[in-house]
Amino acid sequence: MNKEELIRKYASLTGDTIANSRDCVAKVLEAIVEGLKETGEVKINGFGVFSLVEKDESIARNPKTGEEIVVAPHKVCKFKFSKALKDSLR
C-alpha cells in the first residue's frame, strides 16, 4: 500500500473526503517525524515503536567497480511492531 492508497482507504473507512483524508494522513506522518526529531522514539500502543538508531562509519563496496567507499555516520529509522499487531497478522 502506498501513501495515496492509504489516503483512499482512510477516506472509505471514515466516510471523509479525499482532501480531508489527505490532510489527516499528512498530519499524522508529520507528527511521527517531529516525534522522532524531538525524542528519537514514537510509541503507538497496539501498533509498534518507531525509533532512531545511530550507525557508525563503515566501509561499503561499489558492486560495479569493487571500489571501497566510506559511509559516513548516519541515523536510520527502525520499526518494531507490537505483539498485538504481530498477533493480528497471523
N, C-alpha and C. Protein backbone atom coordinates (compact mmCIF):
# COMPACT_ATOMS: atom_id res chain seq x y z
N MET A 1 0.85 -1.17 0.00
CA MET A 1 0.00 0.00 0.00
C MET A 1 0.90 1.24 0.00
N ASN A 2 0.65 2.15 -0.90
CA ASN A 2 1.40 3.40 -0.92
C ASN A 2 0.59 4.50 -0.22
N LYS A 3 1.15 5.71 -0.18
CA LYS A 3 0.51 6.80 0.55
C LYS A 3 -0.88 7.13 -0.01
N GLU A 4 -1.00 7.19 -1.32
CA GLU A 4 -2.29 7.52 -1.93
C GLU A 4 -3.34 6.45 -1.63
N GLU A 5 -2.93 5.18 -1.65
CA GLU A 5 -3.85 4.09 -1.30
C GLU A 5 -4.26 4.18 0.16
N LEU A 6 -3.32 4.56 1.03
CA LEU A 6 -3.64 4.74 2.44
C LEU A 6 -4.66 5.86 2.62
N ILE A 7 -4.49 6.95 1.90
CA ILE A 7 -5.43 8.07 1.97
C ILE A 7 -6.82 7.62 1.53
N ARG A 8 -6.89 6.90 0.43
CA ARG A 8 -8.19 6.43 -0.07
C ARG A 8 -8.83 5.42 0.90
N LYS A 9 -8.02 4.57 1.51
CA LYS A 9 -8.54 3.61 2.49
C LYS A 9 -9.11 4.34 3.69
N TYR A 10 -8.36 5.34 4.18
CA TYR A 10 -8.82 6.15 5.31
C TYR A 10 -10.14 6.83 4.96
N ALA A 11 -10.22 7.39 3.77
CA ALA A 11 -11.45 8.07 3.34
C ALA A 11 -12.63 7.10 3.29
N SER A 12 -12.40 5.89 2.80
CA SER A 12 -13.51 4.93 2.71
C SER A 12 -13.93 4.43 4.10
N LEU A 13 -12.98 4.30 5.01
CA LEU A 13 -13.31 3.82 6.36
C LEU A 13 -14.04 4.88 7.18
N THR A 14 -13.70 6.14 6.97
CA THR A 14 -14.28 7.22 7.77
C THR A 14 -15.44 7.93 7.09
N GLY A 15 -15.56 7.76 5.77
CA GLY A 15 -16.59 8.49 5.03
C GLY A 15 -16.20 9.93 4.78
N ASP A 16 -14.96 10.26 5.04
CA ASP A 16 -14.46 11.62 4.85
C ASP A 16 -14.08 11.82 3.39
N THR A 17 -13.86 13.07 3.00
CA THR A 17 -13.46 13.37 1.63
C THR A 17 -11.98 13.01 1.44
N ILE A 18 -11.59 12.85 0.18
CA ILE A 18 -10.19 12.55 -0.13
C ILE A 18 -9.30 13.71 0.33
N ALA A 19 -9.74 14.94 0.11
CA ALA A 19 -8.94 16.11 0.50
C ALA A 19 -8.70 16.14 2.01
N ASN A 20 -9.75 15.93 2.80
CA ASN A 20 -9.60 15.92 4.25
C ASN A 20 -8.76 14.72 4.71
N SER A 21 -8.95 13.58 4.06
CA SER A 21 -8.19 12.39 4.40
C SER A 21 -6.71 12.60 4.10
N ARG A 22 -6.40 13.24 2.97
CA ARG A 22 -5.01 13.53 2.61
C ARG A 22 -4.38 14.40 3.68
N ASP A 23 -5.12 15.40 4.16
CA ASP A 23 -4.63 16.30 5.20
C ASP A 23 -4.39 15.54 6.51
N CYS A 24 -5.31 14.67 6.90
CA CYS A 24 -5.18 13.90 8.14
C CYS A 24 -3.97 12.97 8.08
N VAL A 25 -3.81 12.25 6.99
CA VAL A 25 -2.67 11.33 6.86
C VAL A 25 -1.36 12.12 6.89
N ALA A 26 -1.33 13.25 6.20
CA ALA A 26 -0.11 14.08 6.17
C ALA A 26 0.24 14.57 7.58
N LYS A 27 -0.76 14.95 8.35
CA LYS A 27 -0.51 15.45 9.71
C LYS A 27 -0.03 14.33 10.64
N VAL A 28 -0.57 13.14 10.48
CA VAL A 28 -0.10 12.01 11.30
C VAL A 28 1.36 11.69 10.97
N LEU A 29 1.69 11.65 9.69
CA LEU A 29 3.07 11.37 9.29
C LEU A 29 4.01 12.48 9.77
N GLU A 30 3.55 13.72 9.68
CA GLU A 30 4.34 14.85 10.17
C GLU A 30 4.57 14.74 11.68
N ALA A 31 3.55 14.33 12.41
CA ALA A 31 3.68 14.17 13.86
C ALA A 31 4.68 13.08 14.21
N ILE A 32 4.70 12.00 13.44
CA ILE A 32 5.67 10.92 13.67
C ILE A 32 7.08 11.43 13.44
N VAL A 33 7.29 12.17 12.34
CA VAL A 33 8.61 12.71 12.04
C VAL A 33 9.06 13.68 13.13
N GLU A 34 8.17 14.57 13.57
CA GLU A 34 8.51 15.52 14.62
C GLU A 34 8.84 14.80 15.93
N GLY A 35 8.09 13.76 16.25
CA GLY A 35 8.36 12.98 17.45
C GLY A 35 9.73 12.32 17.40
N LEU A 36 10.09 11.81 16.23
CA LEU A 36 11.42 11.21 16.07
C LEU A 36 12.51 12.25 16.22
N LYS A 37 12.29 13.43 15.67
CA LYS A 37 13.28 14.51 15.79
C LYS A 37 13.44 14.94 17.24
N GLU A 38 12.34 15.04 17.98
CA GLU A 38 12.37 15.54 19.36
C GLU A 38 12.91 14.52 20.35
N THR A 39 12.41 13.29 20.27
CA THR A 39 12.76 12.31 21.30
C THR A 39 13.49 11.08 20.76
N GLY A 40 13.48 10.88 19.45
CA GLY A 40 14.13 9.71 18.88
C GLY A 40 13.28 8.46 18.93
N GLU A 41 12.04 8.58 19.41
CA GLU A 41 11.18 7.40 19.53
C GLU A 41 9.72 7.82 19.53
N VAL A 42 8.89 7.06 18.82
CA VAL A 42 7.45 7.27 18.81
C VAL A 42 6.79 5.93 19.06
N LYS A 43 6.05 5.83 20.18
CA LYS A 43 5.35 4.60 20.54
C LYS A 43 3.87 4.76 20.25
N ILE A 44 3.31 3.80 19.54
CA ILE A 44 1.87 3.79 19.27
C ILE A 44 1.36 2.47 19.82
N ASN A 45 0.65 2.53 20.96
CA ASN A 45 0.16 1.32 21.62
C ASN A 45 -0.67 0.48 20.67
N GLY A 46 -0.42 -0.81 20.66
CA GLY A 46 -1.15 -1.73 19.81
C GLY A 46 -0.65 -1.75 18.38
N PHE A 47 0.33 -0.90 18.05
CA PHE A 47 0.86 -0.85 16.68
C PHE A 47 2.35 -1.12 16.66
N GLY A 48 3.13 -0.27 17.35
CA GLY A 48 4.56 -0.51 17.39
C GLY A 48 5.34 0.72 17.79
N VAL A 49 6.66 0.64 17.62
CA VAL A 49 7.58 1.71 18.03
C VAL A 49 8.49 2.07 16.86
N PHE A 50 8.48 3.35 16.50
CA PHE A 50 9.45 3.89 15.55
C PHE A 50 10.60 4.45 16.38
N SER A 51 11.84 4.14 16.00
CA SER A 51 12.97 4.67 16.76
C SER A 51 14.13 4.99 15.82
N LEU A 52 14.95 5.96 16.25
CA LEU A 52 16.14 6.33 15.50
C LEU A 52 17.33 5.60 16.09
N VAL A 53 18.20 5.10 15.22
CA VAL A 53 19.40 4.39 15.63
C VAL A 53 20.59 5.02 14.92
N GLU A 54 21.64 5.30 15.69
CA GLU A 54 22.88 5.85 15.12
C GLU A 54 23.70 4.72 14.51
N LYS A 55 24.12 4.89 13.29
CA LYS A 55 25.01 3.94 12.63
C LYS A 55 26.41 4.54 12.57
N ASP A 56 27.41 3.75 12.91
CA ASP A 56 28.79 4.21 12.87
C ASP A 56 29.28 4.28 11.42
N GLU A 57 30.42 4.95 11.26
CA GLU A 57 31.06 4.98 9.96
C GLU A 57 31.40 3.55 9.54
N SER A 58 31.23 3.25 8.27
CA SER A 58 31.52 1.90 7.79
C SER A 58 32.10 1.94 6.39
N ILE A 59 32.58 0.82 5.96
CA ILE A 59 33.14 0.68 4.62
C ILE A 59 32.16 -0.14 3.80
N ALA A 60 31.81 0.38 2.62
CA ALA A 60 30.94 -0.34 1.69
C ALA A 60 31.72 -0.56 0.40
N ARG A 61 31.16 -1.36 -0.47
CA ARG A 61 31.84 -1.63 -1.73
C ARG A 61 30.88 -1.36 -2.88
N ASN A 62 31.36 -0.62 -3.89
CA ASN A 62 30.59 -0.38 -5.10
C ASN A 62 30.50 -1.70 -5.86
N PRO A 63 29.28 -2.23 -6.08
CA PRO A 63 29.16 -3.54 -6.71
C PRO A 63 29.65 -3.58 -8.16
N LYS A 64 29.61 -2.43 -8.85
CA LYS A 64 30.07 -2.40 -10.25
C LYS A 64 31.59 -2.42 -10.35
N THR A 65 32.23 -1.56 -9.56
CA THR A 65 33.68 -1.38 -9.70
C THR A 65 34.48 -2.11 -8.64
N GLY A 66 33.85 -2.47 -7.54
CA GLY A 66 34.57 -3.10 -6.43
C GLY A 66 35.30 -2.10 -5.56
N GLU A 67 35.16 -0.81 -5.89
CA GLU A 67 35.83 0.25 -5.13
C GLU A 67 35.23 0.37 -3.73
N GLU A 68 36.11 0.53 -2.74
CA GLU A 68 35.63 0.73 -1.37
C GLU A 68 35.19 2.17 -1.18
N ILE A 69 34.10 2.35 -0.45
CA ILE A 69 33.53 3.66 -0.18
C ILE A 69 33.33 3.78 1.33
N VAL A 70 33.68 4.94 1.88
CA VAL A 70 33.46 5.19 3.29
C VAL A 70 32.06 5.78 3.44
N VAL A 71 31.24 5.11 4.25
CA VAL A 71 29.89 5.59 4.53
C VAL A 71 29.95 6.34 5.86
N ALA A 72 29.58 7.61 5.81
CA ALA A 72 29.64 8.47 7.00
C ALA A 72 28.64 8.00 8.07
N PRO A 73 28.89 8.35 9.33
CA PRO A 73 27.91 8.03 10.38
C PRO A 73 26.56 8.67 10.03
N HIS A 74 25.50 7.97 10.31
CA HIS A 74 24.17 8.48 9.99
C HIS A 74 23.12 7.82 10.88
N LYS A 75 21.90 8.36 10.82
CA LYS A 75 20.78 7.81 11.59
C LYS A 75 19.88 7.02 10.65
N VAL A 76 19.31 5.95 11.18
CA VAL A 76 18.31 5.18 10.44
C VAL A 76 17.08 5.03 11.34
N CYS A 77 15.93 4.91 10.70
CA CYS A 77 14.69 4.72 11.43
C CYS A 77 14.36 3.24 11.44
N LYS A 78 14.07 2.72 12.62
CA LYS A 78 13.67 1.32 12.76
C LYS A 78 12.22 1.27 13.24
N PHE A 79 11.56 0.17 12.94
CA PHE A 79 10.20 -0.04 13.42
C PHE A 79 10.13 -1.42 14.04
N LYS A 80 9.62 -1.48 15.27
CA LYS A 80 9.39 -2.76 15.94
C LYS A 80 7.89 -2.85 16.20
N PHE A 81 7.24 -3.83 15.60
CA PHE A 81 5.80 -3.92 15.77
C PHE A 81 5.42 -4.53 17.11
N SER A 82 4.23 -4.18 17.57
CA SER A 82 3.76 -4.64 18.88
C SER A 82 3.28 -6.08 18.79
N LYS A 83 3.13 -6.69 19.94
CA LYS A 83 2.60 -8.06 19.99
C LYS A 83 1.19 -8.10 19.42
N ALA A 84 0.38 -7.08 19.72
CA ALA A 84 -0.99 -7.05 19.21
C ALA A 84 -1.00 -7.01 17.68
N LEU A 85 -0.14 -6.22 17.08
CA LEU A 85 -0.07 -6.17 15.62
C LEU A 85 0.44 -7.49 15.07
N LYS A 86 1.45 -8.05 15.71
CA LYS A 86 2.00 -9.33 15.28
C LYS A 86 0.93 -10.41 15.30
N ASP A 87 0.18 -10.45 16.40
CA ASP A 87 -0.88 -11.47 16.53
C ASP A 87 -1.99 -11.27 15.50
N SER A 88 -2.30 -10.01 15.15
CA SER A 88 -3.37 -9.76 14.19
C SER A 88 -2.97 -10.13 12.77
N LEU A 89 -1.67 -10.28 12.52
CA LEU A 89 -1.19 -10.61 11.17
C LEU A 89 -1.05 -12.11 10.96
N ARG A 90 -1.29 -12.90 11.97
CA ARG A 90 -1.17 -14.36 11.85
C ARG A 90 -2.35 -14.95 11.16
